[in-house]
């Protein structure tokens, strides 16, 4: 169990999982960045906590943009400030989508490809996974797959998983909503996140 415990009681999460409700009330501030986003360095309440500070995360922006052929990919930061940051994508499609996605899913320890953002989920399943990760105080990045059809289709092939959300932990595909819910209920997800964050 994380040192600070859960930030939401289990009945709230249980109801959320049952109904897929969108209970997000954070305001969204849209910004566009070309190369980096800011994320908290560690779990605030984890046993391996150090003073929370923001770090600059360099993502393979230009390469990712070329591979996906898009204009922007929103990435919600790991903090709860309500900020929505974006990566500006450049140029035309590139055949190296797999290599690009490899870099993206390993850029942070927890990456969630979802419909919408963590502050404005656009489907109940995506919202459920967001709320589970938040209840475990896990710092995670989200990428809105609705912003780009090439990204959405490419991820289905990359993960061999046809639906969204798709959760990646420590560079590996973990599962979709159902698998995440089951792992949360069994305690497996919490244990895995503790090991991942503290490693």
N, C-alpha and C. Protein backbone atom coordinates (compact mmCIF):
# COMPACT_ATOMS: atom_id res chain seq x y z
N UNK A 1 0.84 -1.20 0.00
CA UNK A 1 0.00 0.00 0.00
C UNK A 1 0.87 1.24 0.00
N UNK A 2 0.50 2.27 -0.78
CA UNK A 2 1.24 3.51 -0.78
C UNK A 2 1.17 4.14 0.59
N UNK A 3 2.22 4.82 0.97
CA UNK A 3 2.36 5.38 2.30
C UNK A 3 1.17 6.24 2.71
N UNK A 4 0.68 7.05 1.76
CA UNK A 4 -0.42 7.95 2.10
C UNK A 4 -1.79 7.33 1.95
N UNK A 5 -1.85 6.08 1.50
CA UNK A 5 -3.15 5.43 1.31
C UNK A 5 -3.84 5.94 0.06
N UNK A 6 -5.08 5.55 -0.11
CA UNK A 6 -5.84 5.98 -1.27
C UNK A 6 -6.38 7.37 -1.06
N UNK A 7 -6.49 8.13 -2.18
CA UNK A 7 -7.01 9.49 -2.05
C UNK A 7 -8.51 9.52 -2.29
N UNK A 8 -9.10 8.39 -2.59
CA UNK A 8 -10.56 8.32 -2.74
C UNK A 8 -11.02 7.04 -2.06
N UNK A 9 -12.17 7.10 -1.40
CA UNK A 9 -12.60 5.89 -0.71
C UNK A 9 -13.05 4.84 -1.73
N UNK A 10 -13.00 3.57 -1.32
CA UNK A 10 -13.25 2.47 -2.25
C UNK A 10 -14.67 2.48 -2.79
N UNK A 11 -15.64 2.96 -2.00
CA UNK A 11 -17.02 2.98 -2.50
C UNK A 11 -17.15 3.96 -3.66
N UNK A 12 -16.43 5.08 -3.60
CA UNK A 12 -16.46 6.05 -4.70
C UNK A 12 -15.92 5.41 -5.97
N UNK A 13 -14.78 4.73 -5.85
CA UNK A 13 -14.19 4.08 -7.01
C UNK A 13 -15.09 2.96 -7.52
N UNK A 14 -15.69 2.21 -6.60
CA UNK A 14 -16.58 1.11 -6.98
C UNK A 14 -17.76 1.64 -7.80
N UNK A 15 -18.36 2.73 -7.33
CA UNK A 15 -19.48 3.34 -8.06
C UNK A 15 -19.02 3.84 -9.42
N UNK A 16 -17.84 4.45 -9.44
CA UNK A 16 -17.30 4.96 -10.69
C UNK A 16 -17.11 3.84 -11.69
N UNK A 17 -16.53 2.73 -11.22
CA UNK A 17 -16.30 1.59 -12.10
C UNK A 17 -17.63 1.04 -12.60
N UNK A 18 -18.61 0.95 -11.71
CA UNK A 18 -19.91 0.39 -12.09
C UNK A 18 -20.62 1.25 -13.13
N UNK A 19 -20.51 2.57 -13.00
CA UNK A 19 -21.29 3.45 -13.87
C UNK A 19 -20.47 4.18 -14.92
N UNK A 20 -19.14 4.17 -14.80
CA UNK A 20 -18.30 4.88 -15.76
C UNK A 20 -18.57 6.37 -15.75
N UNK A 21 -18.85 6.93 -14.58
CA UNK A 21 -19.21 8.34 -14.49
C UNK A 21 -18.01 9.25 -14.67
N UNK A 22 -18.24 10.40 -15.29
CA UNK A 22 -17.20 11.42 -15.43
C UNK A 22 -17.35 12.38 -14.27
N UNK A 23 -16.45 12.26 -13.28
CA UNK A 23 -16.56 13.14 -12.11
C UNK A 23 -15.46 14.18 -12.10
N UNK A 24 -14.77 14.31 -13.24
CA UNK A 24 -13.69 15.27 -13.32
C UNK A 24 -14.25 16.69 -13.32
N UNK A 25 -13.69 17.56 -12.48
CA UNK A 25 -14.16 18.94 -12.43
C UNK A 25 -13.03 19.93 -12.65
N UNK A 26 -11.82 19.41 -12.92
CA UNK A 26 -10.69 20.30 -13.13
C UNK A 26 -10.90 21.14 -14.39
N UNK A 27 -10.44 22.38 -14.35
CA UNK A 27 -10.52 23.21 -15.55
C UNK A 27 -9.36 22.84 -16.46
N UNK A 28 -9.55 23.05 -17.74
CA UNK A 28 -8.52 22.70 -18.71
C UNK A 28 -7.93 23.97 -19.30
N UNK A 29 -6.63 24.08 -19.21
CA UNK A 29 -5.93 25.21 -19.80
C UNK A 29 -5.12 24.67 -20.95
N UNK A 30 -5.45 25.04 -22.17
CA UNK A 30 -4.75 24.49 -23.32
C UNK A 30 -3.48 25.30 -23.60
N UNK A 31 -2.40 24.59 -23.78
CA UNK A 31 -1.14 25.18 -24.15
C UNK A 31 -0.52 24.29 -25.22
N UNK A 32 0.30 24.86 -26.05
CA UNK A 32 1.00 24.05 -27.03
C UNK A 32 2.49 24.19 -26.82
N UNK A 33 3.17 23.07 -26.76
CA UNK A 33 4.61 23.06 -26.59
C UNK A 33 5.21 22.27 -27.73
N UNK A 34 6.42 22.60 -28.12
CA UNK A 34 7.02 21.90 -29.25
C UNK A 34 7.91 20.75 -28.85
N UNK A 35 8.53 20.77 -27.67
CA UNK A 35 9.48 19.71 -27.35
C UNK A 35 9.34 19.06 -26.00
N UNK A 36 8.79 19.72 -25.00
CA UNK A 36 8.83 19.14 -23.66
C UNK A 36 7.53 19.38 -22.92
N UNK A 37 7.25 18.52 -21.94
CA UNK A 37 6.14 18.73 -21.03
C UNK A 37 6.67 18.60 -19.62
N UNK A 38 5.94 19.10 -18.65
CA UNK A 38 6.38 19.07 -17.26
C UNK A 38 5.56 18.07 -16.49
N UNK A 39 6.24 17.24 -15.71
CA UNK A 39 5.55 16.22 -14.93
C UNK A 39 6.15 16.15 -13.54
N UNK A 40 5.40 15.69 -12.53
CA UNK A 40 5.99 15.50 -11.21
C UNK A 40 7.00 14.37 -11.28
N UNK A 41 8.06 14.47 -10.51
CA UNK A 41 9.12 13.48 -10.60
C UNK A 41 8.77 12.17 -9.95
N UNK A 42 8.00 12.18 -8.85
CA UNK A 42 7.69 10.93 -8.15
C UNK A 42 6.31 11.02 -7.51
N UNK A 43 5.83 9.91 -7.01
CA UNK A 43 4.59 9.91 -6.24
C UNK A 43 4.74 10.79 -5.02
N UNK A 44 3.76 11.61 -4.74
CA UNK A 44 3.81 12.45 -3.57
C UNK A 44 3.77 11.62 -2.29
N UNK A 45 3.01 10.54 -2.31
CA UNK A 45 2.84 9.78 -1.07
C UNK A 45 3.53 8.42 -1.09
N UNK A 46 4.41 8.19 -2.07
CA UNK A 46 5.05 6.88 -2.13
C UNK A 46 6.16 6.77 -1.09
N UNK A 47 6.54 5.54 -0.72
CA UNK A 47 7.61 5.35 0.26
C UNK A 47 8.95 5.89 -0.22
N UNK A 48 9.11 6.03 -1.53
CA UNK A 48 10.39 6.51 -2.05
C UNK A 48 10.34 7.99 -2.37
N UNK A 49 9.45 8.72 -1.70
CA UNK A 49 9.22 10.12 -2.02
C UNK A 49 10.42 11.00 -1.72
N UNK A 50 10.66 11.90 -2.65
CA UNK A 50 11.54 13.02 -2.37
C UNK A 50 10.67 14.25 -2.59
N UNK A 51 11.19 15.43 -2.30
CA UNK A 51 10.38 16.64 -2.46
C UNK A 51 9.88 16.71 -3.89
N UNK A 52 8.58 16.94 -4.05
CA UNK A 52 8.00 16.96 -5.38
C UNK A 52 8.54 18.14 -6.16
N UNK A 53 9.05 17.86 -7.34
CA UNK A 53 9.53 18.93 -8.20
C UNK A 53 9.18 18.56 -9.62
N UNK A 54 9.05 19.57 -10.45
CA UNK A 54 8.72 19.32 -11.84
C UNK A 54 10.00 19.05 -12.62
N UNK A 55 9.91 18.15 -13.56
CA UNK A 55 11.05 17.85 -14.41
C UNK A 55 10.61 18.00 -15.85
N UNK A 56 11.54 18.35 -16.69
CA UNK A 56 11.22 18.51 -18.10
C UNK A 56 11.39 17.18 -18.80
N UNK A 57 10.36 16.76 -19.50
CA UNK A 57 10.38 15.48 -20.19
C UNK A 57 10.52 15.73 -21.68
N UNK A 58 11.62 15.31 -22.24
CA UNK A 58 11.81 15.46 -23.68
C UNK A 58 11.27 14.23 -24.38
N UNK A 59 10.33 14.43 -25.26
CA UNK A 59 9.76 13.33 -26.03
C UNK A 59 10.23 13.45 -27.47
N UNK A 60 10.21 12.35 -28.21
CA UNK A 60 10.67 12.37 -29.60
C UNK A 60 9.65 13.07 -30.49
N UNK A 61 9.50 14.37 -30.26
CA UNK A 61 8.41 15.13 -30.86
C UNK A 61 8.41 15.11 -32.38
N UNK A 62 9.50 15.54 -32.97
CA UNK A 62 9.52 15.64 -34.42
C UNK A 62 9.34 14.27 -35.06
N UNK A 63 10.03 13.27 -34.53
CA UNK A 63 9.92 11.92 -35.09
C UNK A 63 8.51 11.36 -34.89
N UNK A 64 7.95 11.58 -33.71
CA UNK A 64 6.59 11.12 -33.42
C UNK A 64 5.61 11.78 -34.37
N UNK A 65 5.80 13.07 -34.59
CA UNK A 65 4.92 13.80 -35.49
C UNK A 65 5.00 13.30 -36.91
N UNK A 66 6.21 13.06 -37.38
CA UNK A 66 6.37 12.55 -38.75
C UNK A 66 5.71 11.18 -38.89
N UNK A 67 5.90 10.34 -37.88
CA UNK A 67 5.35 8.99 -37.95
C UNK A 67 3.84 9.00 -37.97
N UNK A 68 3.24 9.94 -37.24
CA UNK A 68 1.78 9.96 -37.12
C UNK A 68 1.12 10.90 -38.11
N UNK A 69 1.88 11.84 -38.67
CA UNK A 69 1.33 12.77 -39.62
C UNK A 69 0.23 13.62 -39.03
N UNK A 70 0.46 14.20 -37.85
CA UNK A 70 -0.59 14.95 -37.17
C UNK A 70 -0.15 16.37 -36.90
N UNK A 71 -1.08 17.18 -36.38
CA UNK A 71 -0.75 18.56 -36.05
C UNK A 71 -0.40 18.71 -34.58
N UNK A 72 -1.20 18.13 -33.68
CA UNK A 72 -0.85 18.15 -32.25
C UNK A 72 -1.33 16.88 -31.58
N UNK A 73 -0.63 16.47 -30.55
CA UNK A 73 -1.06 15.35 -29.71
C UNK A 73 -1.12 15.86 -28.29
N UNK A 74 -2.31 16.03 -27.70
CA UNK A 74 -2.39 16.50 -26.33
C UNK A 74 -1.85 15.45 -25.36
N UNK A 75 -1.05 15.89 -24.41
CA UNK A 75 -0.56 15.02 -23.35
C UNK A 75 -0.83 15.72 -22.03
N UNK A 76 -1.67 15.13 -21.20
CA UNK A 76 -2.00 15.74 -19.91
C UNK A 76 -0.88 15.46 -18.94
N UNK A 77 -0.45 16.47 -18.20
CA UNK A 77 0.65 16.29 -17.28
C UNK A 77 0.23 15.49 -16.07
N UNK A 78 1.23 14.99 -15.34
CA UNK A 78 0.96 14.11 -14.21
C UNK A 78 0.43 14.83 -12.99
N UNK A 79 0.49 16.16 -12.95
CA UNK A 79 -0.04 16.85 -11.78
C UNK A 79 -1.53 17.06 -11.93
N UNK A 80 -2.14 17.62 -10.92
CA UNK A 80 -3.60 17.81 -10.95
C UNK A 80 -3.97 19.28 -11.12
N UNK A 81 -3.09 20.03 -11.76
CA UNK A 81 -3.33 21.45 -11.90
C UNK A 81 -4.38 21.76 -12.95
N UNK A 82 -4.79 20.77 -13.71
CA UNK A 82 -5.76 21.00 -14.76
C UNK A 82 -5.13 21.44 -16.06
N UNK A 83 -3.80 21.47 -16.11
CA UNK A 83 -3.14 21.91 -17.33
C UNK A 83 -3.15 20.80 -18.37
N UNK A 84 -3.37 21.19 -19.58
CA UNK A 84 -3.30 20.27 -20.70
C UNK A 84 -2.22 20.79 -21.62
N UNK A 85 -1.20 19.99 -21.81
CA UNK A 85 -0.12 20.41 -22.68
C UNK A 85 -0.17 19.57 -23.95
N UNK A 86 0.44 20.07 -25.00
CA UNK A 86 0.40 19.36 -26.26
C UNK A 86 1.79 19.26 -26.86
N UNK A 87 1.97 18.23 -27.65
CA UNK A 87 3.17 18.13 -28.46
C UNK A 87 2.77 18.51 -29.88
N UNK A 88 3.49 19.43 -30.45
CA UNK A 88 3.20 19.82 -31.83
C UNK A 88 3.90 18.83 -32.76
N UNK A 89 3.14 18.25 -33.65
CA UNK A 89 3.71 17.26 -34.56
C UNK A 89 4.03 17.90 -35.90
N UNK A 90 5.02 17.37 -36.54
CA UNK A 90 5.53 17.98 -37.75
C UNK A 90 5.48 17.02 -38.94
N UNK A 91 5.53 17.56 -40.13
CA UNK A 91 5.82 16.84 -41.35
C UNK A 91 4.81 15.77 -41.75
N UNK A 92 5.24 14.82 -42.55
CA UNK A 92 4.37 13.81 -43.16
C UNK A 92 4.56 12.44 -42.51
N UNK A 93 3.70 11.48 -42.86
CA UNK A 93 3.81 10.15 -42.24
C UNK A 93 5.17 9.50 -42.46
N UNK A 94 5.56 8.65 -41.52
CA UNK A 94 6.85 7.97 -41.52
C UNK A 94 6.59 6.49 -41.28
N UNK A 95 7.33 5.61 -41.92
CA UNK A 95 7.07 4.17 -41.77
C UNK A 95 7.50 3.59 -40.43
N UNK A 96 8.20 4.33 -39.62
CA UNK A 96 8.76 3.79 -38.38
C UNK A 96 7.87 4.01 -37.16
N UNK A 97 6.59 3.74 -37.31
CA UNK A 97 5.65 3.98 -36.21
C UNK A 97 5.97 3.15 -34.98
N UNK A 98 6.35 1.89 -35.18
CA UNK A 98 6.64 1.03 -34.03
C UNK A 98 7.79 1.58 -33.20
N UNK A 99 8.87 1.99 -33.85
CA UNK A 99 10.02 2.54 -33.12
C UNK A 99 9.63 3.81 -32.39
N UNK A 100 8.78 4.61 -33.01
CA UNK A 100 8.32 5.84 -32.38
C UNK A 100 7.48 5.54 -31.16
N UNK A 101 6.54 4.61 -31.28
CA UNK A 101 5.69 4.25 -30.14
C UNK A 101 6.51 3.61 -29.03
N UNK A 102 7.55 2.85 -29.39
CA UNK A 102 8.46 2.31 -28.37
C UNK A 102 9.03 3.44 -27.51
N UNK A 103 9.44 4.51 -28.16
CA UNK A 103 10.02 5.65 -27.43
C UNK A 103 8.97 6.33 -26.56
N UNK A 104 7.76 6.46 -27.09
CA UNK A 104 6.70 7.15 -26.34
C UNK A 104 6.31 6.36 -25.09
N UNK A 105 6.11 5.05 -25.23
CA UNK A 105 5.64 4.26 -24.07
C UNK A 105 6.73 4.07 -23.03
N UNK A 106 7.99 4.29 -23.40
CA UNK A 106 9.07 4.20 -22.41
C UNK A 106 9.51 5.57 -21.91
N UNK A 107 8.88 6.64 -22.40
CA UNK A 107 9.26 7.99 -21.98
C UNK A 107 8.85 8.29 -20.54
N UNK A 108 7.82 7.60 -20.05
CA UNK A 108 7.36 7.71 -18.67
C UNK A 108 7.05 6.32 -18.16
N UNK A 109 7.00 6.16 -16.86
CA UNK A 109 6.74 4.84 -16.29
C UNK A 109 5.30 4.40 -16.49
N UNK A 110 4.36 5.36 -16.54
CA UNK A 110 2.95 5.02 -16.73
C UNK A 110 2.38 5.92 -17.83
N UNK A 111 1.93 5.31 -18.92
CA UNK A 111 1.37 6.06 -20.04
C UNK A 111 0.01 5.45 -20.38
N UNK A 112 -1.00 6.31 -20.47
CA UNK A 112 -2.35 5.86 -20.80
C UNK A 112 -2.80 6.49 -22.10
N UNK A 113 -3.03 5.66 -23.11
CA UNK A 113 -3.63 6.12 -24.36
C UNK A 113 -5.14 6.01 -24.18
N UNK A 114 -5.83 7.12 -24.31
CA UNK A 114 -7.25 7.16 -23.95
C UNK A 114 -8.03 8.06 -24.88
N UNK A 115 -9.35 8.02 -24.74
CA UNK A 115 -10.23 8.93 -25.46
C UNK A 115 -10.44 10.15 -24.57
N UNK A 116 -9.91 11.28 -25.00
CA UNK A 116 -9.96 12.49 -24.19
C UNK A 116 -8.68 12.65 -23.38
N UNK A 117 -8.77 13.45 -22.32
CA UNK A 117 -7.63 13.69 -21.45
C UNK A 117 -8.00 13.30 -20.03
N UNK A 118 -7.01 13.28 -19.15
CA UNK A 118 -7.30 12.91 -17.76
C UNK A 118 -8.25 13.90 -17.11
N UNK A 119 -8.25 15.15 -17.56
CA UNK A 119 -9.15 16.15 -17.00
C UNK A 119 -10.49 16.22 -17.73
N UNK A 120 -10.56 15.65 -18.92
CA UNK A 120 -11.80 15.64 -19.68
C UNK A 120 -11.91 14.34 -20.48
N UNK A 121 -12.10 13.22 -19.77
CA UNK A 121 -12.24 11.94 -20.47
C UNK A 121 -13.48 11.96 -21.36
N UNK A 122 -13.39 11.32 -22.51
CA UNK A 122 -14.50 11.33 -23.45
C UNK A 122 -15.12 9.95 -23.63
N UNK A 123 -14.84 9.05 -22.70
CA UNK A 123 -15.57 7.78 -22.66
C UNK A 123 -15.49 7.24 -21.24
N UNK A 124 -16.49 6.48 -20.86
CA UNK A 124 -16.57 5.97 -19.49
C UNK A 124 -15.42 5.04 -19.14
N UNK A 125 -14.97 4.23 -20.10
CA UNK A 125 -13.89 3.28 -19.83
C UNK A 125 -12.58 4.03 -19.56
N UNK A 126 -12.30 5.04 -20.39
CA UNK A 126 -11.10 5.85 -20.17
C UNK A 126 -11.17 6.54 -18.81
N UNK A 127 -12.33 7.08 -18.48
CA UNK A 127 -12.51 7.77 -17.21
C UNK A 127 -12.29 6.82 -16.03
N UNK A 128 -12.75 5.59 -16.16
CA UNK A 128 -12.59 4.61 -15.09
C UNK A 128 -11.11 4.36 -14.80
N UNK A 129 -10.31 4.17 -15.85
CA UNK A 129 -8.88 3.92 -15.66
C UNK A 129 -8.19 5.15 -15.06
N UNK A 130 -8.55 6.34 -15.54
CA UNK A 130 -7.99 7.57 -14.98
C UNK A 130 -8.27 7.65 -13.48
N UNK A 131 -9.52 7.39 -13.09
CA UNK A 131 -9.88 7.51 -11.67
C UNK A 131 -9.18 6.45 -10.82
N UNK A 132 -8.98 5.27 -11.36
CA UNK A 132 -8.24 4.23 -10.62
C UNK A 132 -6.79 4.68 -10.39
N UNK A 133 -6.14 5.17 -11.45
CA UNK A 133 -4.75 5.62 -11.31
C UNK A 133 -4.65 6.79 -10.33
N UNK A 134 -5.61 7.70 -10.40
CA UNK A 134 -5.61 8.82 -9.46
C UNK A 134 -5.83 8.35 -8.02
N UNK A 135 -6.70 7.36 -7.84
CA UNK A 135 -6.97 6.87 -6.49
C UNK A 135 -5.72 6.24 -5.87
N UNK A 136 -4.82 5.77 -6.71
CA UNK A 136 -3.57 5.17 -6.24
C UNK A 136 -2.43 6.18 -6.21
N UNK A 137 -2.74 7.46 -6.45
CA UNK A 137 -1.74 8.53 -6.44
C UNK A 137 -0.59 8.27 -7.40
N UNK A 138 -0.88 7.66 -8.52
CA UNK A 138 0.17 7.33 -9.49
C UNK A 138 0.36 8.47 -10.49
N UNK A 139 1.60 8.94 -10.67
CA UNK A 139 1.86 9.96 -11.69
C UNK A 139 1.83 9.30 -13.07
N UNK A 140 0.99 9.78 -13.95
CA UNK A 140 0.86 9.14 -15.26
C UNK A 140 0.62 10.18 -16.34
N UNK A 141 1.00 9.82 -17.55
CA UNK A 141 0.77 10.67 -18.71
C UNK A 141 -0.39 10.10 -19.51
N UNK A 142 -1.16 10.97 -20.13
CA UNK A 142 -2.23 10.52 -21.00
C UNK A 142 -2.03 11.10 -22.39
N UNK A 143 -2.38 10.31 -23.38
CA UNK A 143 -2.34 10.77 -24.77
C UNK A 143 -3.71 10.53 -25.38
N UNK A 144 -4.28 11.59 -25.93
CA UNK A 144 -5.63 11.56 -26.49
C UNK A 144 -5.61 10.96 -27.89
N UNK A 145 -6.12 9.74 -28.03
CA UNK A 145 -6.08 9.07 -29.32
C UNK A 145 -7.14 9.60 -30.29
N UNK A 146 -8.08 10.40 -29.78
CA UNK A 146 -9.11 10.98 -30.65
C UNK A 146 -8.55 12.08 -31.54
N UNK A 147 -7.36 12.58 -31.18
CA UNK A 147 -6.76 13.67 -31.94
C UNK A 147 -6.16 13.20 -33.26
N UNK A 148 -5.93 11.91 -33.41
CA UNK A 148 -5.25 11.45 -34.61
C UNK A 148 -5.63 10.01 -34.95
N UNK A 149 -6.20 9.83 -36.12
CA UNK A 149 -6.64 8.50 -36.55
C UNK A 149 -5.47 7.55 -36.78
N UNK A 150 -4.35 8.08 -37.29
CA UNK A 150 -3.17 7.23 -37.52
C UNK A 150 -2.64 6.68 -36.20
N UNK A 151 -2.65 7.51 -35.18
CA UNK A 151 -2.23 7.07 -33.85
C UNK A 151 -3.15 5.97 -33.34
N UNK A 152 -4.45 6.18 -33.48
CA UNK A 152 -5.42 5.21 -32.98
C UNK A 152 -5.25 3.85 -33.67
N UNK A 153 -5.16 3.86 -34.99
CA UNK A 153 -5.01 2.61 -35.73
C UNK A 153 -3.65 1.97 -35.49
N UNK A 154 -2.62 2.81 -35.43
CA UNK A 154 -1.27 2.29 -35.19
C UNK A 154 -1.14 1.61 -33.85
N UNK A 155 -1.78 2.16 -32.84
CA UNK A 155 -1.72 1.56 -31.50
C UNK A 155 -2.42 0.21 -31.44
N UNK A 156 -3.49 0.06 -32.18
CA UNK A 156 -4.20 -1.23 -32.21
C UNK A 156 -3.28 -2.33 -32.72
N UNK A 157 -2.49 -2.00 -33.74
CA UNK A 157 -1.54 -2.97 -34.28
C UNK A 157 -0.36 -3.15 -33.33
N UNK A 158 0.11 -2.06 -32.76
CA UNK A 158 1.28 -2.08 -31.88
C UNK A 158 1.05 -2.97 -30.66
N UNK A 159 -0.13 -2.84 -30.06
CA UNK A 159 -0.43 -3.58 -28.83
C UNK A 159 -1.17 -4.90 -29.09
N UNK A 160 -1.62 -5.09 -30.32
CA UNK A 160 -2.51 -6.23 -30.65
C UNK A 160 -3.74 -6.21 -29.76
N UNK A 161 -4.23 -5.01 -29.47
CA UNK A 161 -5.40 -4.81 -28.61
C UNK A 161 -6.34 -3.86 -29.35
N UNK A 162 -7.59 -4.25 -29.60
CA UNK A 162 -8.45 -3.46 -30.50
C UNK A 162 -9.16 -2.26 -29.88
N UNK A 163 -9.15 -2.14 -28.56
CA UNK A 163 -9.96 -1.09 -27.93
C UNK A 163 -9.11 -0.15 -27.07
N UNK A 164 -9.75 0.93 -26.64
CA UNK A 164 -9.11 1.92 -25.77
C UNK A 164 -9.98 2.12 -24.54
N UNK A 165 -9.36 2.45 -23.41
CA UNK A 165 -7.97 2.89 -23.22
C UNK A 165 -6.98 1.73 -23.27
N UNK A 166 -5.70 2.11 -23.43
CA UNK A 166 -4.60 1.15 -23.36
C UNK A 166 -3.59 1.68 -22.35
N UNK A 167 -3.31 0.89 -21.33
CA UNK A 167 -2.40 1.31 -20.27
C UNK A 167 -1.05 0.62 -20.44
N UNK A 168 0.01 1.44 -20.42
CA UNK A 168 1.38 0.93 -20.48
C UNK A 168 2.07 1.25 -19.17
N UNK A 169 2.70 0.23 -18.59
CA UNK A 169 3.43 0.40 -17.33
C UNK A 169 4.85 -0.08 -17.56
N UNK A 170 5.80 0.82 -17.30
CA UNK A 170 7.22 0.51 -17.45
C UNK A 170 7.53 0.01 -18.87
N UNK A 171 6.90 0.65 -19.85
CA UNK A 171 7.17 0.33 -21.25
C UNK A 171 6.43 -0.88 -21.80
N UNK A 172 5.65 -1.56 -20.96
CA UNK A 172 4.95 -2.77 -21.39
C UNK A 172 3.44 -2.54 -21.40
N UNK A 173 2.77 -3.12 -22.38
CA UNK A 173 1.32 -3.03 -22.42
C UNK A 173 0.73 -3.82 -21.26
N UNK A 174 -0.07 -3.14 -20.42
CA UNK A 174 -0.67 -3.79 -19.26
C UNK A 174 -2.07 -4.31 -19.58
N UNK A 175 -2.87 -3.49 -20.25
CA UNK A 175 -4.22 -3.93 -20.59
C UNK A 175 -5.15 -2.76 -20.81
N UNK A 176 -6.41 -3.11 -21.03
CA UNK A 176 -7.45 -2.12 -21.19
C UNK A 176 -8.20 -1.91 -19.89
N UNK A 177 -9.42 -1.43 -19.99
CA UNK A 177 -10.20 -1.09 -18.80
C UNK A 177 -10.51 -2.32 -17.94
N UNK A 178 -11.00 -3.39 -18.54
CA UNK A 178 -11.40 -4.57 -17.76
C UNK A 178 -10.24 -5.17 -16.98
N UNK A 179 -9.09 -5.31 -17.65
CA UNK A 179 -7.91 -5.87 -16.99
C UNK A 179 -7.45 -4.96 -15.86
N UNK A 180 -7.48 -3.64 -16.11
CA UNK A 180 -7.06 -2.68 -15.09
C UNK A 180 -7.98 -2.74 -13.88
N UNK A 181 -9.29 -2.83 -14.12
CA UNK A 181 -10.26 -2.91 -13.01
C UNK A 181 -10.01 -4.17 -12.19
N UNK A 182 -9.83 -5.30 -12.85
CA UNK A 182 -9.59 -6.56 -12.13
C UNK A 182 -8.30 -6.49 -11.32
N UNK A 183 -7.26 -5.94 -11.92
CA UNK A 183 -5.97 -5.83 -11.21
C UNK A 183 -6.08 -4.87 -10.04
N UNK A 184 -6.90 -3.83 -10.19
CA UNK A 184 -7.12 -2.89 -9.09
C UNK A 184 -7.84 -3.59 -7.94
N UNK A 185 -8.88 -4.34 -8.26
CA UNK A 185 -9.66 -5.02 -7.22
C UNK A 185 -8.83 -6.06 -6.48
N UNK A 186 -7.94 -6.74 -7.18
CA UNK A 186 -7.13 -7.80 -6.56
C UNK A 186 -5.92 -7.25 -5.80
N UNK A 187 -5.59 -5.98 -6.03
CA UNK A 187 -4.41 -5.40 -5.40
C UNK A 187 -3.15 -5.54 -6.24
N UNK A 188 -3.24 -6.28 -7.34
CA UNK A 188 -2.08 -6.49 -8.21
C UNK A 188 -1.59 -5.18 -8.82
N UNK A 189 -2.52 -4.32 -9.24
CA UNK A 189 -2.14 -3.06 -9.87
C UNK A 189 -1.37 -2.18 -8.91
N UNK A 190 -1.84 -2.07 -7.68
CA UNK A 190 -1.18 -1.23 -6.69
C UNK A 190 0.24 -1.72 -6.43
N UNK A 191 0.41 -3.03 -6.30
CA UNK A 191 1.75 -3.60 -6.07
C UNK A 191 2.67 -3.32 -7.25
N UNK A 192 2.15 -3.49 -8.46
CA UNK A 192 2.96 -3.25 -9.65
C UNK A 192 3.37 -1.78 -9.76
N UNK A 193 2.43 -0.88 -9.47
CA UNK A 193 2.74 0.54 -9.55
C UNK A 193 3.77 0.94 -8.50
N UNK A 194 3.67 0.39 -7.30
CA UNK A 194 4.67 0.67 -6.26
C UNK A 194 6.06 0.26 -6.72
N UNK A 195 6.16 -0.95 -7.26
CA UNK A 195 7.47 -1.43 -7.73
C UNK A 195 7.98 -0.57 -8.88
N UNK A 196 7.09 -0.21 -9.78
CA UNK A 196 7.48 0.56 -10.95
C UNK A 196 7.95 1.96 -10.58
N UNK A 197 7.20 2.64 -9.73
CA UNK A 197 7.54 4.01 -9.36
C UNK A 197 8.84 4.07 -8.56
N UNK A 198 9.05 3.09 -7.70
CA UNK A 198 10.22 3.11 -6.83
C UNK A 198 11.46 2.52 -7.48
N UNK A 199 11.33 1.97 -8.68
CA UNK A 199 12.50 1.34 -9.32
C UNK A 199 13.37 2.38 -10.02
